[in-house]
Protein backbone atom coordinates (compact mmCIF):
# COMPACT_ATOMS: atom_id res chain seq x y z
CA UNK A 1 0.00 0.00 0.00
CA UNK A 2 1.33 3.43 -0.88
CA UNK A 3 1.51 6.06 1.80
CA UNK A 4 0.24 9.53 0.96
CA UNK A 5 3.59 11.01 2.02
CA UNK A 6 5.48 8.91 -0.53
CA UNK A 7 3.49 10.22 -3.53
CA UNK A 8 5.32 12.60 -5.81
CA UNK A 9 3.65 15.46 -7.67
CA UNK A 10 3.93 13.48 -10.93
CA UNK A 11 2.11 10.52 -9.33
CA UNK A 12 -0.72 12.81 -8.21
CA UNK A 13 -0.96 14.43 -11.65
CA UNK A 14 -1.04 11.01 -13.31
CA UNK A 15 -3.73 9.79 -10.91
CA UNK A 16 -5.86 12.90 -11.52
CA UNK A 17 -5.47 12.46 -15.29
CA UNK A 18 -6.57 8.81 -14.96
CA UNK A 19 -9.58 9.84 -12.88
CA UNK A 20 -10.56 12.52 -15.39
CA UNK A 21 -10.24 10.08 -18.31
CA UNK A 22 -12.21 7.36 -16.52
CA UNK A 23 -14.91 9.88 -15.59
CA UNK A 24 -15.14 11.04 -19.22
CA UNK A 25 -15.48 7.45 -20.46
CA UNK A 26 -18.13 6.71 -17.82
CA UNK A 27 -20.05 9.85 -18.77
CA UNK A 28 -19.93 8.94 -22.47
CA UNK A 29 -21.10 5.39 -21.71
CA UNK A 30 -23.98 6.70 -19.59
CA UNK A 31 -25.02 9.14 -22.33
CA UNK A 32 -24.92 6.34 -24.91
CA UNK A 33 -27.06 4.13 -22.65
CA UNK A 34 -29.61 6.91 -22.15
CA UNK A 35 -29.76 7.58 -25.90
CA UNK A 36 -30.20 3.88 -26.63
CA UNK A 37 -32.95 3.56 -24.01
CA UNK A 38 -34.72 6.64 -25.38
CA UNK A 39 -34.57 5.28 -28.94
CA UNK A 40 -35.89 1.90 -27.81
CA UNK A 41 -38.72 3.49 -25.82
CA UNK A 42 -39.67 5.65 -28.79
CA UNK A 43 -39.73 2.65 -31.11
CA UNK A 44 -41.81 0.56 -28.69
CA UNK A 45 -44.26 3.43 -28.19
CA UNK A 46 -44.69 3.84 -31.95
CA UNK A 47 -45.27 0.10 -32.41
CA UNK A 48 -47.80 0.14 -29.57
CA UNK A 49 -49.68 3.08 -31.09
CA UNK A 50 -49.78 1.37 -34.48
CA UNK A 51 -50.96 -1.92 -32.98
CA UNK A 52 -53.64 -0.23 -30.86
CA UNK A 53 -54.96 1.72 -33.84
CA UNK A 54 -55.13 -1.42 -35.99
CA UNK A 55 -56.89 -3.38 -33.26
CA UNK A 56 -59.37 -0.55 -32.65
CA UNK A 57 -60.25 -0.44 -36.36
CA UNK A 58 -60.61 -4.24 -36.49
CA UNK A 59 -62.75 -4.26 -33.34
CA UNK A 60 -65.01 -1.47 -34.61
CA UNK A 61 -65.50 -3.21 -37.93
CA UNK A 62 -66.27 -6.54 -36.27
CA UNK A 63 -68.69 -4.97 -33.79
CA UNK A 64 -70.51 -3.01 -36.49
CA UNK A 65 -70.79 -6.13 -38.64
CA UNK A 66 -72.10 -8.24 -35.76
CA UNK A 67 -74.59 -5.56 -34.70
CA UNK A 68 -75.99 -5.30 -38.23
CA UNK A 69 -76.37 -9.08 -38.48
CA UNK A 70 -78.09 -9.26 -35.09
CA UNK A 71 -80.42 -6.44 -36.09
CA UNK A 72 -81.42 -8.24 -39.30
CA UNK A 73 -81.99 -11.52 -37.42
CA UNK A 74 -84.15 -9.71 -34.87
CA UNK A 75 -86.21 -8.11 -37.66
CA UNK A 76 -86.63 -11.42 -39.48
CA UNK A 77 -87.37 -13.59 -36.42
CA UNK A 78 -88.65 -11.44 -33.54
CA UNK A 79 -90.49 -14.26 -31.79
CA UNK A 80 -87.51 -16.63 -32.05
CA UNK A 81 -85.23 -13.96 -30.61
CA UNK A 82 -87.62 -13.28 -27.74
CA UNK A 83 -87.99 -16.98 -26.89
CA UNK A 84 -84.24 -17.54 -27.16
CA UNK A 85 -83.49 -14.62 -24.86
CA UNK A 86 -86.14 -15.86 -22.40
CA UNK A 87 -84.68 -19.39 -22.39
CA UNK A 88 -81.16 -18.08 -21.94
CA UNK A 89 -82.27 -15.85 -19.07
CA UNK A 90 -84.18 -18.70 -17.46
CA UNK A 91 -81.20 -21.06 -17.65
CA UNK A 92 -78.75 -18.44 -16.38
CA UNK A 93 -81.12 -17.46 -13.56
CA UNK A 94 -81.47 -21.10 -12.53
CA UNK A 95 -77.69 -21.55 -12.39
CA UNK A 96 -77.19 -18.37 -10.38
CA UNK A 97 -79.95 -19.22 -7.89
CA UNK A 98 -78.55 -22.75 -7.50
CA UNK A 99 -75.10 -21.38 -6.68
CA UNK A 100 -76.51 -18.85 -4.19
CA UNK A 101 -78.56 -21.53 -2.40
CA UNK A 102 -75.44 -23.45 -1.39
PDB file of N, CA and C in Angstrom:
ATOM      1  N   UNK A   1       0.846  -1.165   0.000  1.00  0.00           N
ATOM      2  CA  UNK A   1       0.000   0.000   0.000  1.00  0.00           C
ATOM      3  C   UNK A   1       0.891   1.226   0.000  1.00  0.00           C
ATOM      4  N   UNK A   2       0.521   2.216  -0.764  1.00  0.00           N
ATOM      5  CA  UNK A   2       1.326   3.434  -0.878  1.00  0.00           C
ATOM      6  C   UNK A   2       0.874   4.429   0.161  1.00  0.00           C
ATOM      7  N   UNK A   3       1.843   5.028   0.827  1.00  0.00           N
ATOM      8  CA  UNK A   3       1.505   6.063   1.800  1.00  0.00           C
ATOM      9  C   UNK A   3       1.359   7.383   1.073  1.00  0.00           C
ATOM     10  N   UNK A   4       0.480   8.228   1.576  1.00  0.00           N
ATOM     11  CA  UNK A   4       0.245   9.528   0.959  1.00  0.00           C
ATOM     12  C   UNK A   4       1.537  10.344   0.941  1.00  0.00           C
ATOM     13  N   UNK A   5       2.355  10.219   1.949  1.00  0.00           N
ATOM     14  CA  UNK A   5       3.595  11.007   2.020  1.00  0.00           C
ATOM     15  C   UNK A   5       4.593  10.599   0.947  1.00  0.00           C
ATOM     16  N   UNK A   6       4.499   9.374   0.442  1.00  0.00           N
ATOM     17  CA  UNK A   6       5.480   8.910  -0.535  1.00  0.00           C
ATOM     18  C   UNK A   6       5.094   9.260  -1.976  1.00  0.00           C
ATOM     19  N   UNK A   7       3.902   9.852  -2.185  1.00  0.00           N
ATOM     20  CA  UNK A   7       3.487  10.218  -3.534  1.00  0.00           C
ATOM     21  C   UNK A   7       4.245  11.455  -3.990  1.00  0.00           C
ATOM     22  N   UNK A   8       4.650  11.428  -5.230  1.00  0.00           N
ATOM     23  CA  UNK A   8       5.320  12.598  -5.808  1.00  0.00           C
ATOM     24  C   UNK A   8       4.291  13.406  -6.580  1.00  0.00           C
ATOM     25  N   UNK A   9       4.591  14.648  -6.882  1.00  0.00           N
ATOM     26  CA  UNK A   9       3.645  15.455  -7.666  1.00  0.00           C
ATOM     27  C   UNK A   9       3.303  14.823  -9.020  1.00  0.00           C
ATOM     28  N   UNK A  10       4.224  14.118  -9.639  1.00  0.00           N
ATOM     29  CA  UNK A  10       3.928  13.479 -10.926  1.00  0.00           C
ATOM     30  C   UNK A  10       2.954  12.320 -10.740  1.00  0.00           C
ATOM     31  N   UNK A  11       3.055  11.608  -9.610  1.00  0.00           N
ATOM     32  CA  UNK A  11       2.106  10.525  -9.326  1.00  0.00           C
ATOM     33  C   UNK A  11       0.694  11.080  -9.141  1.00  0.00           C
ATOM     34  N   UNK A  12       0.585  12.190  -8.452  1.00  0.00           N
ATOM     35  CA  UNK A  12      -0.723  12.815  -8.206  1.00  0.00           C
ATOM     36  C   UNK A  12      -1.304  13.311  -9.522  1.00  0.00           C
ATOM     37  N   UNK A  13      -0.488  13.938 -10.359  1.00  0.00           N
ATOM     38  CA  UNK A  13      -0.956  14.431 -11.650  1.00  0.00           C
ATOM     39  C   UNK A  13      -1.416  13.270 -12.526  1.00  0.00           C
ATOM     40  N   UNK A  14      -0.681  12.196 -12.534  1.00  0.00           N
ATOM     41  CA  UNK A  14      -1.036  11.008 -13.315  1.00  0.00           C
ATOM     42  C   UNK A  14      -2.345  10.406 -12.801  1.00  0.00           C
ATOM     43  N   UNK A  15      -2.506  10.343 -11.493  1.00  0.00           N
ATOM     44  CA  UNK A  15      -3.731   9.795 -10.906  1.00  0.00           C
ATOM     45  C   UNK A  15      -4.934  10.662 -11.251  1.00  0.00           C
ATOM     46  N   UNK A  16      -4.766  11.982 -11.194  1.00  0.00           N
ATOM     47  CA  UNK A  16      -5.858  12.901 -11.524  1.00  0.00           C
ATOM     48  C   UNK A  16      -6.216  12.759 -13.002  1.00  0.00           C
ATOM     49  N   UNK A  17      -5.199  12.640 -13.866  1.00  0.00           N
ATOM     50  CA  UNK A  17      -5.468  12.456 -15.292  1.00  0.00           C
ATOM     51  C   UNK A  17      -6.236  11.157 -15.547  1.00  0.00           C
ATOM     52  N   UNK A  18      -5.862  10.090 -14.830  1.00  0.00           N
ATOM     53  CA  UNK A  18      -6.572   8.814 -14.963  1.00  0.00           C
ATOM     54  C   UNK A  18      -8.024   8.948 -14.501  1.00  0.00           C
ATOM     55  N   UNK A  19      -8.221   9.643 -13.414  1.00  0.00           N
ATOM     56  CA  UNK A  19      -9.584   9.836 -12.883  1.00  0.00           C
ATOM     57  C   UNK A  19     -10.419  10.638 -13.875  1.00  0.00           C
ATOM     58  N   UNK A  20      -9.830  11.688 -14.420  1.00  0.00           N
ATOM     59  CA  UNK A  20     -10.558  12.516 -15.389  1.00  0.00           C
ATOM     60  C   UNK A  20     -10.927  11.693 -16.624  1.00  0.00           C
ATOM     61  N   UNK A  21      -9.987  10.906 -17.134  1.00  0.00           N
ATOM     62  CA  UNK A  21     -10.237  10.076 -18.315  1.00  0.00           C
ATOM     63  C   UNK A  21     -11.308   9.022 -18.031  1.00  0.00           C
ATOM     64  N   UNK A  22     -11.201   8.370 -16.885  1.00  0.00           N
ATOM     65  CA  UNK A  22     -12.215   7.361 -16.523  1.00  0.00           C
ATOM     66  C   UNK A  22     -13.590   7.996 -16.347  1.00  0.00           C
ATOM     67  N   UNK A  23     -13.639   9.173 -15.758  1.00  0.00           N
ATOM     68  CA  UNK A  23     -14.909   9.878 -15.585  1.00  0.00           C
ATOM     69  C   UNK A  23     -15.509  10.238 -16.941  1.00  0.00           C
ATOM     70  N   UNK A  24     -14.669  10.691 -17.869  1.00  0.00           N
ATOM     71  CA  UNK A  24     -15.142  11.042 -19.217  1.00  0.00           C
ATOM     72  C   UNK A  24     -15.702   9.814 -19.927  1.00  0.00           C
ATOM     73  N   UNK A  25     -14.986   8.689 -19.830  1.00  0.00           N
ATOM     74  CA  UNK A  25     -15.481   7.454 -20.457  1.00  0.00           C
ATOM     75  C   UNK A  25     -16.793   6.992 -19.824  1.00  0.00           C
ATOM     76  N   UNK A  26     -16.896   7.108 -18.505  1.00  0.00           N
ATOM     77  CA  UNK A  26     -18.128   6.706 -17.823  1.00  0.00           C
ATOM     78  C   UNK A  26     -19.292   7.606 -18.236  1.00  0.00           C
ATOM     79  N   UNK A  27     -19.010   8.897 -18.360  1.00  0.00           N
ATOM     80  CA  UNK A  27     -20.054   9.845 -18.767  1.00  0.00           C
ATOM     81  C   UNK A  27     -20.513   9.541 -20.186  1.00  0.00           C
ATOM     82  N   UNK A  28     -19.567   9.271 -21.089  1.00  0.00           N
ATOM     83  CA  UNK A  28     -19.928   8.939 -22.465  1.00  0.00           C
ATOM     84  C   UNK A  28     -20.744   7.649 -22.529  1.00  0.00           C
ATOM     85  N   UNK A  29     -20.354   6.654 -21.739  1.00  0.00           N
ATOM     86  CA  UNK A  29     -21.095   5.388 -21.709  1.00  0.00           C
ATOM     87  C   UNK A  29     -22.513   5.601 -21.182  1.00  0.00           C
ATOM     88  N   UNK A  30     -22.649   6.420 -20.154  1.00  0.00           N
ATOM     89  CA  UNK A  30     -23.976   6.697 -19.589  1.00  0.00           C
ATOM     90  C   UNK A  30     -24.847   7.440 -20.605  1.00  0.00           C
ATOM     91  N   UNK A  31     -24.266   8.403 -21.318  1.00  0.00           N
ATOM     92  CA  UNK A  31     -25.024   9.144 -22.332  1.00  0.00           C
ATOM     93  C   UNK A  31     -25.456   8.220 -23.471  1.00  0.00           C
ATOM     94  N   UNK A  32     -24.557   7.310 -23.877  1.00  0.00           N
ATOM     95  CA  UNK A  32     -24.917   6.344 -24.912  1.00  0.00           C
ATOM     96  C   UNK A  32     -26.051   5.428 -24.446  1.00  0.00           C
ATOM     97  N   UNK A  33     -26.002   5.000 -23.194  1.00  0.00           N
ATOM     98  CA  UNK A  33     -27.055   4.130 -22.651  1.00  0.00           C
ATOM     99  C   UNK A  33     -28.395   4.860 -22.607  1.00  0.00           C
ATOM    100  N   UNK A  34     -28.366   6.128 -22.209  1.00  0.00           N
ATOM    101  CA  UNK A  34     -29.613   6.909 -22.154  1.00  0.00           C
ATOM    102  C   UNK A  34     -30.175   7.099 -23.552  1.00  0.00           C
ATOM    103  N   UNK A  35     -29.312   7.396 -24.525  1.00  0.00           N
ATOM    104  CA  UNK A  35     -29.765   7.580 -25.903  1.00  0.00           C
ATOM    105  C   UNK A  35     -30.358   6.283 -26.442  1.00  0.00           C
ATOM    106  N   UNK A  36     -29.706   5.169 -26.172  1.00  0.00           N
ATOM    107  CA  UNK A  36     -30.205   3.880 -26.631  1.00  0.00           C
ATOM    108  C   UNK A  36     -31.557   3.551 -25.992  1.00  0.00           C
ATOM    109  N   UNK A  37     -31.681   3.816 -24.702  1.00  0.00           N
ATOM    110  CA  UNK A  37     -32.951   3.563 -24.008  1.00  0.00           C
ATOM    111  C   UNK A  37     -34.057   4.454 -24.564  1.00  0.00           C
ATOM    112  N   UNK A  38     -33.736   5.701 -24.827  1.00  0.00           N
ATOM    113  CA  UNK A  38     -34.722   6.639 -25.378  1.00  0.00           C
ATOM    114  C   UNK A  38     -35.169   6.177 -26.760  1.00  0.00           C
ATOM    115  N   UNK A  39     -34.224   5.757 -27.600  1.00  0.00           N
ATOM    116  CA  UNK A  39     -34.571   5.279 -28.937  1.00  0.00           C
ATOM    117  C   UNK A  39     -35.442   4.033 -28.862  1.00  0.00           C
ATOM    118  N   UNK A  40     -35.101   3.120 -27.963  1.00  0.00           N
ATOM    119  CA  UNK A  40     -35.887   1.899 -27.805  1.00  0.00           C
ATOM    120  C   UNK A  40     -37.298   2.223 -27.313  1.00  0.00           C
ATOM    121  N   UNK A  41     -37.394   3.116 -26.343  1.00  0.00           N
ATOM    122  CA  UNK A  41     -38.717   3.487 -25.817  1.00  0.00           C
ATOM    123  C   UNK A  41     -39.565   4.156 -26.895  1.00  0.00           C
ATOM    124  N   UNK A  42     -38.938   4.993 -27.711  1.00  0.00           N
ATOM    125  CA  UNK A  42     -39.669   5.653 -28.789  1.00  0.00           C
ATOM    126  C   UNK A  42     -40.186   4.640 -29.802  1.00  0.00           C
ATOM    127  N   UNK A  43     -39.334   3.678 -30.146  1.00  0.00           N
ATOM    128  CA  UNK A  43     -39.731   2.649 -31.109  1.00  0.00           C
ATOM    129  C   UNK A  43     -40.862   1.784 -30.563  1.00  0.00           C
ATOM    130  N   UNK A  44     -40.763   1.392 -29.303  1.00  0.00           N
ATOM    131  CA  UNK A  44     -41.811   0.564 -28.692  1.00  0.00           C
ATOM    132  C   UNK A  44     -43.127   1.334 -28.608  1.00  0.00           C
ATOM    133  N   UNK A  45     -43.041   2.610 -28.268  1.00  0.00           N
ATOM    134  CA  UNK A  45     -44.258   3.430 -28.194  1.00  0.00           C
ATOM    135  C   UNK A  45     -44.928   3.547 -29.560  1.00  0.00           C
ATOM    136  N   UNK A  46     -44.133   3.739 -30.603  1.00  0.00           N
ATOM    137  CA  UNK A  46     -44.689   3.840 -31.951  1.00  0.00           C
ATOM    138  C   UNK A  46     -45.341   2.522 -32.370  1.00  0.00           C
ATOM    139  N   UNK A  47     -44.691   1.402 -32.078  1.00  0.00           N
ATOM    140  CA  UNK A  47     -45.271   0.101 -32.409  1.00  0.00           C
ATOM    141  C   UNK A  47     -46.571  -0.127 -31.644  1.00  0.00           C
ATOM    142  N   UNK A  48     -46.593   0.299 -30.387  1.00  0.00           N
ATOM    143  CA  UNK A  48     -47.797   0.138 -29.573  1.00  0.00           C
ATOM    144  C   UNK A  48     -48.941   0.976 -30.126  1.00  0.00           C
ATOM    145  N   UNK A  49     -48.627   2.231 -30.505  1.00  0.00           N
ATOM    146  CA  UNK A  49     -49.676   3.085 -31.088  1.00  0.00           C
ATOM    147  C   UNK A  49     -50.230   2.470 -32.371  1.00  0.00           C
ATOM    148  N   UNK A  50     -49.348   1.972 -33.218  1.00  0.00           N
ATOM    149  CA  UNK A  50     -49.783   1.370 -34.477  1.00  0.00           C
ATOM    150  C   UNK A  50     -50.648   0.144 -34.214  1.00  0.00           C
ATOM    151  N   UNK A  51     -50.202  -0.713 -33.308  1.00  0.00           N
ATOM    152  CA  UNK A  51     -50.961  -1.925 -32.978  1.00  0.00           C
ATOM    153  C   UNK A  51     -52.331  -1.570 -32.397  1.00  0.00           C
ATOM    154  N   UNK A  52     -52.364  -0.608 -31.488  1.00  0.00           N
ATOM    155  CA  UNK A  52     -53.635  -0.232 -30.857  1.00  0.00           C
ATOM    156  C   UNK A  52     -54.604   0.334 -31.894  1.00  0.00           C
ATOM    157  N   UNK A  53     -54.094   1.146 -32.805  1.00  0.00           N
ATOM    158  CA  UNK A  53     -54.960   1.724 -33.837  1.00  0.00           C
ATOM    159  C   UNK A  53     -55.513   0.630 -34.747  1.00  0.00           C
ATOM    160  N   UNK A  54     -54.666  -0.318 -35.137  1.00  0.00           N
ATOM    161  CA  UNK A  54     -55.130  -1.418 -35.989  1.00  0.00           C
ATOM    162  C   UNK A  54     -56.183  -2.261 -35.278  1.00  0.00           C
ATOM    163  N   UNK A  55     -55.935  -2.559 -34.007  1.00  0.00           N
ATOM    164  CA  UNK A  55     -56.887  -3.377 -33.257  1.00  0.00           C
ATOM    165  C   UNK A  55     -58.208  -2.643 -33.045  1.00  0.00           C
ATOM    166  N   UNK A  56     -58.141  -1.333 -32.834  1.00  0.00           N
ATOM    167  CA  UNK A  56     -59.367  -0.554 -32.653  1.00  0.00           C
ATOM    168  C   UNK A  56     -60.197  -0.567 -33.932  1.00  0.00           C
ATOM    169  N   UNK A  57     -59.520  -0.401 -35.080  1.00  0.00           N
ATOM    170  CA  UNK A  57     -60.249  -0.444 -36.363  1.00  0.00           C
ATOM    171  C   UNK A  57     -60.862  -1.824 -36.584  1.00  0.00           C
ATOM    172  N   UNK A  58     -60.099  -2.877 -36.305  1.00  0.00           N
ATOM    173  CA  UNK A  58     -60.614  -4.236 -36.490  1.00  0.00           C
ATOM    174  C   UNK A  58     -61.789  -4.498 -35.552  1.00  0.00           C
ATOM    175  N   UNK A  59     -61.671  -4.062 -34.314  1.00  0.00           N
ATOM    176  CA  UNK A  59     -62.754  -4.257 -33.344  1.00  0.00           C
ATOM    177  C   UNK A  59     -64.007  -3.503 -33.725  1.00  0.00           C
ATOM    178  N   UNK A  60     -63.843  -2.271 -34.207  1.00  0.00           N
ATOM    179  CA  UNK A  60     -65.005  -1.472 -34.605  1.00  0.00           C
ATOM    180  C   UNK A  60     -65.696  -2.109 -35.809  1.00  0.00           C
ATOM    181  N   UNK A  61     -64.914  -2.584 -36.757  1.00  0.00           N
ATOM    182  CA  UNK A  61     -65.502  -3.212 -37.933  1.00  0.00           C
ATOM    183  C   UNK A  61     -66.239  -4.492 -37.544  1.00  0.00           C
ATOM    184  N   UNK A  62     -65.637  -5.304 -36.675  1.00  0.00           N
ATOM    185  CA  UNK A  62     -66.274  -6.541 -36.267  1.00  0.00           C
ATOM    186  C   UNK A  62     -67.553  -6.251 -35.496  1.00  0.00           C
ATOM    187  N   UNK A  63     -67.522  -5.298 -34.597  1.00  0.00           N
ATOM    188  CA  UNK A  63     -68.688  -4.968 -33.793  1.00  0.00           C
ATOM    189  C   UNK A  63     -69.814  -4.438 -34.664  1.00  0.00           C
ATOM    190  N   UNK A  64     -69.496  -3.567 -35.598  1.00  0.00           N
ATOM    191  CA  UNK A  64     -70.507  -3.014 -36.494  1.00  0.00           C
ATOM    192  C   UNK A  64     -71.137  -4.128 -37.325  1.00  0.00           C
ATOM    193  N   UNK A  65     -70.295  -5.013 -37.833  1.00  0.00           N
ATOM    194  CA  UNK A  65     -70.792  -6.129 -38.642  1.00  0.00           C
ATOM    195  C   UNK A  65     -71.715  -7.025 -37.815  1.00  0.00           C
ATOM    196  N   UNK A  66     -71.299  -7.374 -36.612  1.00  0.00           N
ATOM    197  CA  UNK A  66     -72.103  -8.245 -35.760  1.00  0.00           C
ATOM    198  C   UNK A  66     -73.413  -7.569 -35.363  1.00  0.00           C
ATOM    199  N   UNK A  67     -73.368  -6.283 -35.094  1.00  0.00           N
ATOM    200  CA  UNK A  67     -74.588  -5.559 -34.701  1.00  0.00           C
ATOM    201  C   UNK A  67     -75.586  -5.524 -35.857  1.00  0.00           C
ATOM    202  N   UNK A  68     -75.095  -5.317 -37.069  1.00  0.00           N
ATOM    203  CA  UNK A  68     -75.991  -5.303 -38.233  1.00  0.00           C
ATOM    204  C   UNK A  68     -76.632  -6.673 -38.438  1.00  0.00           C
ATOM    205  N   UNK A  69     -75.822  -7.723 -38.313  1.00  0.00           N
ATOM    206  CA  UNK A  69     -76.368  -9.077 -38.477  1.00  0.00           C
ATOM    207  C   UNK A  69     -77.417  -9.388 -37.411  1.00  0.00           C
ATOM    208  N   UNK A  70     -77.132  -9.024 -36.175  1.00  0.00           N
ATOM    209  CA  UNK A  70     -78.092  -9.259 -35.086  1.00  0.00           C
ATOM    210  C   UNK A  70     -79.368  -8.475 -35.312  1.00  0.00           C
ATOM    211  N   UNK A  71     -79.247  -7.267 -35.820  1.00  0.00           N
ATOM    212  CA  UNK A  71     -80.423  -6.438 -36.086  1.00  0.00           C
ATOM    213  C   UNK A  71     -81.291  -7.091 -37.166  1.00  0.00           C
ATOM    214  N   UNK A  72     -80.660  -7.590 -38.227  1.00  0.00           N
ATOM    215  CA  UNK A  72     -81.418  -8.244 -39.297  1.00  0.00           C
ATOM    216  C   UNK A  72     -82.088  -9.527 -38.801  1.00  0.00           C
ATOM    217  N   UNK A  73     -81.399 -10.293 -37.985  1.00  0.00           N
ATOM    218  CA  UNK A  73     -81.989 -11.517 -37.424  1.00  0.00           C
ATOM    219  C   UNK A  73     -83.185 -11.159 -36.550  1.00  0.00           C
ATOM    220  N   UNK A  74     -83.048 -10.114 -35.747  1.00  0.00           N
ATOM    221  CA  UNK A  74     -84.148  -9.710 -34.867  1.00  0.00           C
ATOM    222  C   UNK A  74     -85.344  -9.238 -35.678  1.00  0.00           C
ATOM    223  N   UNK A  75     -85.096  -8.549 -36.809  1.00  0.00           N
ATOM    224  CA  UNK A  75     -86.208  -8.108 -37.658  1.00  0.00           C
ATOM    225  C   UNK A  75     -86.888  -9.293 -38.343  1.00  0.00           C
ATOM    226  N   UNK A  76     -86.076 -10.271 -38.765  1.00  0.00           N
ATOM    227  CA  UNK A  76     -86.627 -11.419 -39.485  1.00  0.00           C
ATOM    228  C   UNK A  76     -87.328 -12.411 -38.566  1.00  0.00           C
ATOM    229  N   UNK A  77     -86.832 -12.586 -37.344  1.00  0.00           N
ATOM    230  CA  UNK A  77     -87.372 -13.588 -36.417  1.00  0.00           C
ATOM    231  C   UNK A  77     -87.559 -12.991 -35.024  1.00  0.00           C
ATOM    232  N   UNK A  78     -88.506 -12.083 -34.851  1.00  0.00           N
ATOM    233  CA  UNK A  78     -88.649 -11.437 -33.541  1.00  0.00           C
ATOM    234  C   UNK A  78     -89.109 -12.408 -32.448  1.00  0.00           C
ATOM    235  N   UNK A  79     -89.990 -13.332 -32.793  1.00  0.00           N
ATOM    236  CA  UNK A  79     -90.490 -14.262 -31.786  1.00  0.00           C
ATOM    237  C   UNK A  79     -89.398 -15.255 -31.397  1.00  0.00           C
ATOM    238  N   UNK A  80     -88.608 -15.717 -32.343  1.00  0.00           N
ATOM    239  CA  UNK A  80     -87.506 -16.630 -32.054  1.00  0.00           C
ATOM    240  C   UNK A  80     -86.466 -15.968 -31.163  1.00  0.00           C
ATOM    241  N   UNK A  81     -86.184 -14.694 -31.437  1.00  0.00           N
ATOM    242  CA  UNK A  81     -85.227 -13.958 -30.613  1.00  0.00           C
ATOM    243  C   UNK A  81     -85.752 -13.785 -29.190  1.00  0.00           C
ATOM    244  N   UNK A  82     -87.028 -13.466 -29.064  1.00  0.00           N
ATOM    245  CA  UNK A  82     -87.618 -13.279 -27.737  1.00  0.00           C
ATOM    246  C   UNK A  82     -87.600 -14.585 -26.949  1.00  0.00           C
ATOM    247  N   UNK A  83     -87.990 -15.688 -27.583  1.00  0.00           N
ATOM    248  CA  UNK A  83     -87.992 -16.977 -26.890  1.00  0.00           C
ATOM    249  C   UNK A  83     -86.577 -17.429 -26.546  1.00  0.00           C
ATOM    250  N   UNK A  84     -85.632 -17.182 -27.439  1.00  0.00           N
ATOM    251  CA  UNK A  84     -84.240 -17.544 -27.164  1.00  0.00           C
ATOM    252  C   UNK A  84     -83.673 -16.750 -25.998  1.00  0.00           C
ATOM    253  N   UNK A  85     -83.963 -15.454 -25.961  1.00  0.00           N
ATOM    254  CA  UNK A  85     -83.490 -14.619 -24.857  1.00  0.00           C
ATOM    255  C   UNK A  85     -84.140 -15.057 -23.546  1.00  0.00           C
ATOM    256  N   UNK A  86     -85.443 -15.400 -23.602  1.00  0.00           N
ATOM    257  CA  UNK A  86     -86.136 -15.862 -22.403  1.00  0.00           C
ATOM    258  C   UNK A  86     -85.520 -17.167 -21.888  1.00  0.00           C
ATOM    259  N   UNK A  87     -85.257 -18.108 -22.793  1.00  0.00           N
ATOM    260  CA  UNK A  87     -84.684 -19.391 -22.391  1.00  0.00           C
ATOM    261  C   UNK A  87     -83.284 -19.210 -21.819  1.00  0.00           C
ATOM    262  N   UNK A  88     -82.501 -18.355 -22.444  1.00  0.00           N
ATOM    263  CA  UNK A  88     -81.159 -18.080 -21.945  1.00  0.00           C
ATOM    264  C   UNK A  88     -81.220 -17.442 -20.555  1.00  0.00           C
ATOM    265  N   UNK A  89     -82.109 -16.496 -20.374  1.00  0.00           N
ATOM    266  CA  UNK A  89     -82.270 -15.853 -19.066  1.00  0.00           C
ATOM    267  C   UNK A  89     -82.752 -16.831 -18.009  1.00  0.00           C
ATOM    268  N   UNK A  90     -83.663 -17.708 -18.395  1.00  0.00           N
ATOM    269  CA  UNK A  90     -84.181 -18.700 -17.459  1.00  0.00           C
ATOM    270  C   UNK A  90     -83.075 -19.669 -17.026  1.00  0.00           C
ATOM    271  N   UNK A  91     -82.295 -20.144 -17.977  1.00  0.00           N
ATOM    272  CA  UNK A  91     -81.197 -21.058 -17.650  1.00  0.00           C
ATOM    273  C   UNK A  91     -80.136 -20.389 -16.797  1.00  0.00           C
ATOM    274  N   UNK A  92     -79.760 -19.171 -17.146  1.00  0.00           N
ATOM    275  CA  UNK A  92     -78.753 -18.438 -16.382  1.00  0.00           C
ATOM    276  C   UNK A  92     -79.267 -18.118 -14.973  1.00  0.00           C
ATOM    277  N   UNK A  93     -80.535 -17.731 -14.877  1.00  0.00           N
ATOM    278  CA  UNK A  93     -81.124 -17.459 -13.564  1.00  0.00           C
ATOM    279  C   UNK A  93     -81.141 -18.692 -12.684  1.00  0.00           C
ATOM    280  N   UNK A  94     -81.467 -19.847 -13.280  1.00  0.00           N
ATOM    281  CA  UNK A  94     -81.471 -21.103 -12.535  1.00  0.00           C
ATOM    282  C   UNK A  94     -80.080 -21.415 -11.991  1.00  0.00           C
ATOM    283  N   UNK A  95     -79.049 -21.259 -12.835  1.00  0.00           N
ATOM    284  CA  UNK A  95     -77.685 -21.548 -12.395  1.00  0.00           C
ATOM    285  C   UNK A  95     -77.238 -20.596 -11.281  1.00  0.00           C
ATOM    286  N   UNK A  96     -77.579 -19.338 -11.413  1.00  0.00           N
ATOM    287  CA  UNK A  96     -77.195 -18.372 -10.379  1.00  0.00           C
ATOM    288  C   UNK A  96     -77.902 -18.673  -9.065  1.00  0.00           C
ATOM    289  N   UNK A  97     -79.204 -18.942  -9.135  1.00  0.00           N
ATOM    290  CA  UNK A  97     -79.947 -19.221  -7.889  1.00  0.00           C
ATOM    291  C   UNK A  97     -79.453 -20.518  -7.246  1.00  0.00           C
ATOM    292  N   UNK A  98     -79.057 -21.490  -8.043  1.00  0.00           N
ATOM    293  CA  UNK A  98     -78.549 -22.749  -7.500  1.00  0.00           C
ATOM    294  C   UNK A  98     -77.223 -22.529  -6.774  1.00  0.00           C
ATOM    295  N   UNK A  99     -76.369 -21.670  -7.317  1.00  0.00           N
ATOM    296  CA  UNK A  99     -75.097 -21.377  -6.676  1.00  0.00           C
ATOM    297  C   UNK A  99     -75.293 -20.551  -5.403  1.00  0.00           C
ATOM    298  N   UNK A 100     -76.265 -19.675  -5.374  1.00  0.00           N
ATOM    299  CA  UNK A 100     -76.514 -18.850  -4.190  1.00  0.00           C
ATOM    300  C   UNK A 100     -77.145 -19.649  -3.059  1.00  0.00           C
ATOM    301  N   UNK A 101     -77.876 -20.722  -3.402  1.00  0.00           N
ATOM    302  CA  UNK A 101     -78.558 -21.526  -2.400  1.00  0.00           C
ATOM    303  C   UNK A 101     -77.582 -22.381  -1.602  1.00  0.00           C
ATOM    304  N   UNK A 102     -76.405 -22.590  -2.093  1.00  0.00           N
ATOM    305  CA  UNK A 102     -75.436 -23.453  -1.385  1.00  0.00           C
ATOM    306  C   UNK A 102     -74.916 -22.820  -0.180  1.00  0.00           C
TER     307      UNK A 102
END
